[in-house]
Structures are given as C-alpha cells and as structure tokens.
Amino acid sequence: MTGEKTVVHFLRHGEVHNPDGILYGRLPGYRLSDRGEQQAKIVAEFLAGREVTHVVASPLQRAQQTAIPISAAFQLDVATDERLIEADNRFEGLKVSVGDGALRSPKHWPKLWNPLRPSWGEPYLQIAHRMLGAAHRARAAAAGHEAVCVSHQLPIWTLRRFLEGKPMWHDPRRRQCSLASLTSLVFRGEELVRIAYVEPAGETDPKVTGA
C-alpha cells in the first residue's frame, strides 16, 4: 500500500443549550452549553501533539463554537463547509424523541411512511455523498497530516455506515456518535484504510433529543 497517511477526524459538536428539548436541526441560535464548551476544550487537549493542519466546521453555531478551541490550539483559522451541516428534517422545531412528542400525533404520521429514505427529511444517500465530499476536501487540504471536521450526529453516523457498507437506515438509539466524539478516517493516498472511533469527553446517550 502506497501513499502518504492522512487522517480526517469527524468531530460531533459538544452539548447544546436546549432547555425546551426540541429538535433544533438547522435552526439558528442554538449555542453550546457550559458543558459543551468544556467538551470542546477536552477534545482540543486530546488532540494536542497531533499534526492537525486543517480545521473546518459546519456553518451552524454549535459546530463553529466546538471548533474554536482546536483552531486556537493549533493556531489555525476555522474554515466552513456547508456539506458538514446537520441533516434537514421536517420535525425541526418540535419536541421529538423516539416514541413520544410529535411522533404521537396522527397529523405527522404521513411523514413516517418510508424510514429507509427517510421520508421525514434529507435522504440518507444524499447525506452520505455530501459528507464524503467534505471528507475528501479535508483530506486534500491536510495531505500527509490531520484534519478536523466539526459536524453533527446523523451526518457523521450516516457517513460511517455508508463507508462500512452497512444499510443507512438504522435505529437512532444505537448510534455510536457521542457528543464531542471523534470518528476518524485514515487514508493512504486517496484510499480509505481504516475507521476509528473515540470518545474523549465520555459517552453520551444517543436517545437524548437536543443533546
């Protein structure tokens, strides 16, 4: 196997201040909580000593905030890539969790007709393709070194399942993508050779809406 080694870390943002427990999606104004800010600092400390040469984030506030301690630690500017944004979702702005909230209302049931796509939001395949594009852009920008891409739980998990050849439809309660976790793609040249996962700030419950 030939080619220089490049690592692209997909970092899920830290905890968000969301006292009403809604699905905030792409809504503006959702910032990190105090705990989320601390989680971002923990990740920056975890990455200390690594060869991070590129930091890029989703345009959403919580992702941009999560990137700040890392960019400061490595004296880098934070780039923005729209492809890293949260998935579009028709339940945005509502209280939604598995088995309750808006999902109990019959008026919303027509949105749930096809969980394989899914029918209530951005198609999984579309998410996977845009995230893969962001991954290769970051790989090229950090060639021979490491990049950090700050994104969101569903896009990161969808990309991982796509790359592992698994069905993209899944039980959201079983996502392995905790707050401030790193899902790392290891490349040799342009070839993906390994996927790694670590939780520098500890494990969090994937069932908690608004985390």
Protein backbone atom coordinates (compact mmCIF):
# COMPACT_ATOMS: atom_id res chain seq x y z
CA MET A 1 0.00 0.00 0.00
CA THR A 2 1.45 3.33 -1.07
CA GLY A 3 0.69 6.99 -0.48
CA GLU A 4 1.06 9.36 2.42
CA LYS A 5 -1.06 8.89 5.52
CA THR A 6 -3.77 11.47 6.17
CA VAL A 7 -6.32 11.35 8.98
CA VAL A 8 -9.66 13.14 8.74
CA HIS A 9 -11.40 13.36 12.12
CA PHE A 10 -15.15 13.94 12.13
CA LEU A 11 -15.94 15.62 15.44
CA ARG A 12 -19.50 15.81 16.67
CA HIS A 13 -20.18 19.17 18.34
CA GLY A 14 -20.50 19.47 22.12
CA GLU A 15 -23.66 19.65 24.21
CA VAL A 16 -26.12 22.37 23.20
CA HIS A 17 -28.13 24.71 25.43
CA ASN A 18 -31.63 23.42 24.67
CA PRO A 19 -33.86 23.83 27.75
CA ASP A 20 -37.07 23.10 25.80
CA GLY A 21 -35.74 19.79 24.42
CA ILE A 22 -36.72 20.41 20.81
CA LEU A 23 -35.24 19.05 17.61
CA TYR A 24 -33.37 22.21 16.61
CA GLY A 25 -31.85 20.87 13.38
CA ARG A 26 -30.68 23.78 11.26
CA LEU A 27 -32.44 26.48 13.30
CA PRO A 28 -30.17 29.41 14.17
CA GLY A 29 -29.29 30.48 17.69
CA TYR A 30 -28.51 27.15 19.33
CA ARG A 31 -25.21 27.58 21.12
CA LEU A 32 -23.11 25.26 23.23
CA SER A 33 -23.98 24.84 26.88
CA ASP A 34 -21.30 25.37 29.51
CA ARG A 35 -20.74 21.60 29.44
CA GLY A 36 -20.49 21.69 25.66
CA GLU A 37 -17.80 24.36 25.80
CA GLN A 38 -15.86 22.20 28.26
CA GLN A 39 -16.23 19.19 25.98
CA ALA A 40 -14.75 21.18 23.09
CA LYS A 41 -11.74 22.07 25.25
CA ILE A 42 -11.30 18.40 26.22
CA VAL A 43 -11.11 17.42 22.56
CA ALA A 44 -8.54 20.14 21.87
CA GLU A 45 -6.44 18.78 24.74
CA PHE A 46 -6.87 15.22 23.45
CA LEU A 47 -5.57 16.23 20.02
CA ALA A 48 -2.56 18.09 21.40
CA GLY A 49 0.63 16.79 19.86
CA ARG A 50 -1.11 15.58 16.71
CA GLU A 51 -0.35 17.04 13.29
CA VAL A 52 -3.59 18.93 12.75
CA THR A 53 -3.18 21.35 9.86
CA HIS A 54 -6.79 21.97 8.82
CA VAL A 55 -9.92 22.72 10.87
CA VAL A 56 -13.31 23.04 9.20
CA ALA A 57 -16.84 23.18 10.58
CA SER A 58 -20.50 23.13 9.70
CA PRO A 59 -21.88 26.68 9.43
CA LEU A 60 -24.14 26.14 12.46
CA GLN A 61 -23.21 28.00 15.64
CA ARG A 62 -22.67 24.92 17.83
CA ALA A 63 -20.21 23.44 15.35
CA GLN A 64 -18.31 26.69 14.89
CA GLN A 65 -18.01 27.06 18.69
CA THR A 66 -16.76 23.49 19.06
CA ALA A 67 -14.02 24.18 16.51
CA ILE A 68 -12.67 27.27 18.28
CA PRO A 69 -10.52 25.60 21.00
CA ILE A 70 -8.98 23.28 18.41
CA SER A 71 -8.21 26.07 15.96
CA ALA A 72 -6.70 28.10 18.80
CA ALA A 73 -4.56 25.18 19.98
CA PHE A 74 -3.07 24.71 16.51
CA GLN A 75 -3.13 28.41 15.53
CA LEU A 76 -5.38 27.76 12.55
CA ASP A 77 -8.37 29.54 11.10
CA VAL A 78 -11.71 27.72 11.08
CA ALA A 79 -12.90 27.06 7.54
CA THR A 80 -16.60 26.48 6.83
CA ASP A 81 -18.02 23.74 4.63
CA GLU A 82 -21.79 23.74 4.03
CA ARG A 83 -21.64 19.99 3.36
CA LEU A 84 -20.99 19.35 7.05
CA ILE A 85 -24.34 20.86 8.10
CA GLU A 86 -27.00 18.99 10.09
CA ALA A 87 -29.49 16.89 8.13
CA ASP A 88 -32.67 18.60 7.00
CA ASN A 89 -35.69 17.36 8.99
CA ARG A 90 -39.43 18.11 8.73
CA PHE A 91 -39.77 17.79 12.52
CA GLU A 92 -37.40 20.70 13.11
CA GLY A 93 -38.61 22.98 15.89
CA LEU A 94 -40.76 20.30 17.54
CA LYS A 95 -40.29 18.12 20.59
CA VAL A 96 -39.34 14.78 19.14
CA SER A 97 -37.90 11.69 20.72
CA VAL A 98 -38.32 8.03 19.91
CA GLY A 99 -41.85 7.00 20.93
CA ASP A 100 -43.23 10.33 22.08
CA GLY A 101 -43.50 14.04 21.32
CA ALA A 102 -44.61 14.93 17.78
CA LEU A 103 -44.39 11.27 16.73
CA ARG A 104 -47.54 10.54 18.74
CA SER A 105 -49.65 12.94 16.68
CA PRO A 106 -51.54 11.36 13.73
CA LYS A 107 -51.06 14.52 11.67
CA HIS A 108 -47.33 13.76 11.49
CA TRP A 109 -47.64 10.08 10.60
CA PRO A 110 -47.66 10.65 6.80
CA LYS A 111 -44.08 11.89 7.17
CA LEU A 112 -43.05 8.48 8.53
CA TRP A 113 -44.17 6.33 5.60
CA ASN A 114 -40.65 5.38 4.45
CA PRO A 115 -37.96 5.05 7.14
CA LEU A 116 -35.48 3.69 4.60
CA ARG A 117 -35.19 7.01 2.74
CA PRO A 118 -36.15 8.63 5.26
CA SER A 119 -39.41 10.28 4.22
CA TRP A 120 -39.26 12.88 7.04
CA GLY A 121 -36.03 14.52 5.97
CA GLU A 122 -32.93 14.61 3.83
CA PRO A 123 -32.28 11.23 2.16
CA TYR A 124 -29.51 9.20 3.79
CA LEU A 125 -27.71 8.70 0.49
CA GLN A 126 -27.63 12.45 -0.12
CA ILE A 127 -26.19 12.98 3.37
CA ALA A 128 -23.53 10.31 2.81
CA HIS A 129 -22.46 11.76 -0.53
CA ARG A 130 -22.11 15.34 0.71
CA MET A 131 -20.21 14.20 3.80
CA LEU A 132 -17.89 12.08 1.68
CA GLY A 133 -17.21 15.12 -0.48
CA ALA A 134 -16.32 17.09 2.65
CA ALA A 135 -14.06 14.27 3.79
CA HIS A 136 -12.06 14.24 0.57
CA ARG A 137 -11.80 18.02 0.51
CA ALA A 138 -10.40 17.96 4.05
CA ARG A 139 -8.07 15.07 3.14
CA ALA A 140 -6.64 17.09 0.26
CA ALA A 141 -6.28 20.19 2.45
CA ALA A 142 -4.37 18.28 5.14
CA ALA A 143 -2.49 15.85 2.90
CA GLY A 144 0.12 13.99 4.93
CA HIS A 145 -1.23 15.40 8.20
CA GLU A 146 -4.59 15.54 10.03
CA ALA A 147 -7.83 17.47 9.59
CA VAL A 148 -10.72 18.04 11.98
CA CYS A 149 -14.23 18.39 10.54
CA VAL A 150 -16.86 19.50 13.06
CA SER A 151 -20.30 18.21 12.14
CA HIS A 152 -23.40 16.60 13.63
CA GLN A 153 -24.50 13.20 14.85
CA LEU A 154 -26.70 11.97 11.99
CA PRO A 155 -24.41 13.10 9.14
CA ILE A 156 -21.35 11.56 10.81
CA TRP A 157 -23.13 8.29 11.59
CA THR A 158 -24.60 8.10 8.08
CA LEU A 159 -21.17 8.59 6.52
CA ARG A 160 -19.68 5.88 8.71
CA ARG A 161 -22.39 3.35 7.82
CA PHE A 162 -22.02 4.21 4.14
CA LEU A 163 -18.26 3.67 4.21
CA GLU A 164 -18.64 0.42 6.15
CA GLY A 165 -21.10 -0.86 3.55
CA LYS A 166 -23.97 -1.08 6.04
CA PRO A 167 -27.61 -0.12 5.42
CA MET A 168 -28.03 3.56 6.16
CA TRP A 169 -31.44 3.03 7.74
CA HIS A 170 -30.86 2.40 11.44
CA ASP A 171 -32.20 2.67 14.97
CA PRO A 172 -31.20 6.17 16.19
CA ARG A 173 -30.96 4.83 19.74
CA ARG A 174 -27.97 2.74 18.67
CA ARG A 175 -25.81 5.40 17.03
CA GLN A 176 -22.18 5.29 18.14
CA CYS A 177 -21.57 9.01 17.94
CA SER A 178 -21.47 10.63 21.37
CA LEU A 179 -21.18 14.34 21.95
CA ALA A 180 -17.65 15.56 21.18
CA SER A 181 -16.68 12.14 19.84
CA LEU A 182 -14.20 11.60 17.02
CA THR A 183 -14.92 9.31 14.08
CA SER A 184 -11.60 9.20 12.26
CA LEU A 185 -11.00 8.21 8.64
CA VAL A 186 -7.45 7.04 7.96
CA PHE A 187 -6.29 7.38 4.34
CA ARG A 188 -3.25 6.17 2.44
CA GLY A 189 -3.15 8.47 -0.51
CA GLU A 190 -6.79 8.65 -1.61
CA GLU A 191 -7.67 5.19 -0.27
CA LEU A 192 -9.57 4.77 2.99
CA VAL A 193 -7.80 2.08 5.00
CA ARG A 194 -9.35 2.31 8.47
CA ILE A 195 -12.12 3.90 10.53
CA ALA A 196 -11.50 4.60 14.22
CA TYR A 197 -13.77 5.94 16.95
CA VAL A 198 -13.02 7.51 20.32
CA GLU A 199 -14.91 9.48 22.98
CA PRO A 200 -12.50 11.99 24.60
CA ALA A 201 -15.31 13.61 26.62
CA GLY A 202 -17.02 10.34 27.55
CA GLU A 203 -20.10 8.51 26.33
CA THR A 204 -23.48 10.24 25.99
CA ASP A 205 -26.96 8.86 25.44
CA PRO A 206 -27.98 8.90 21.74
CA LYS A 207 -31.68 8.93 22.78
CA VAL A 208 -31.46 12.39 24.39
CA THR A 209 -33.04 14.87 21.97
CA GLY A 210 -31.32 18.22 21.90
CA ALA A 211 -28.10 16.92 23.35
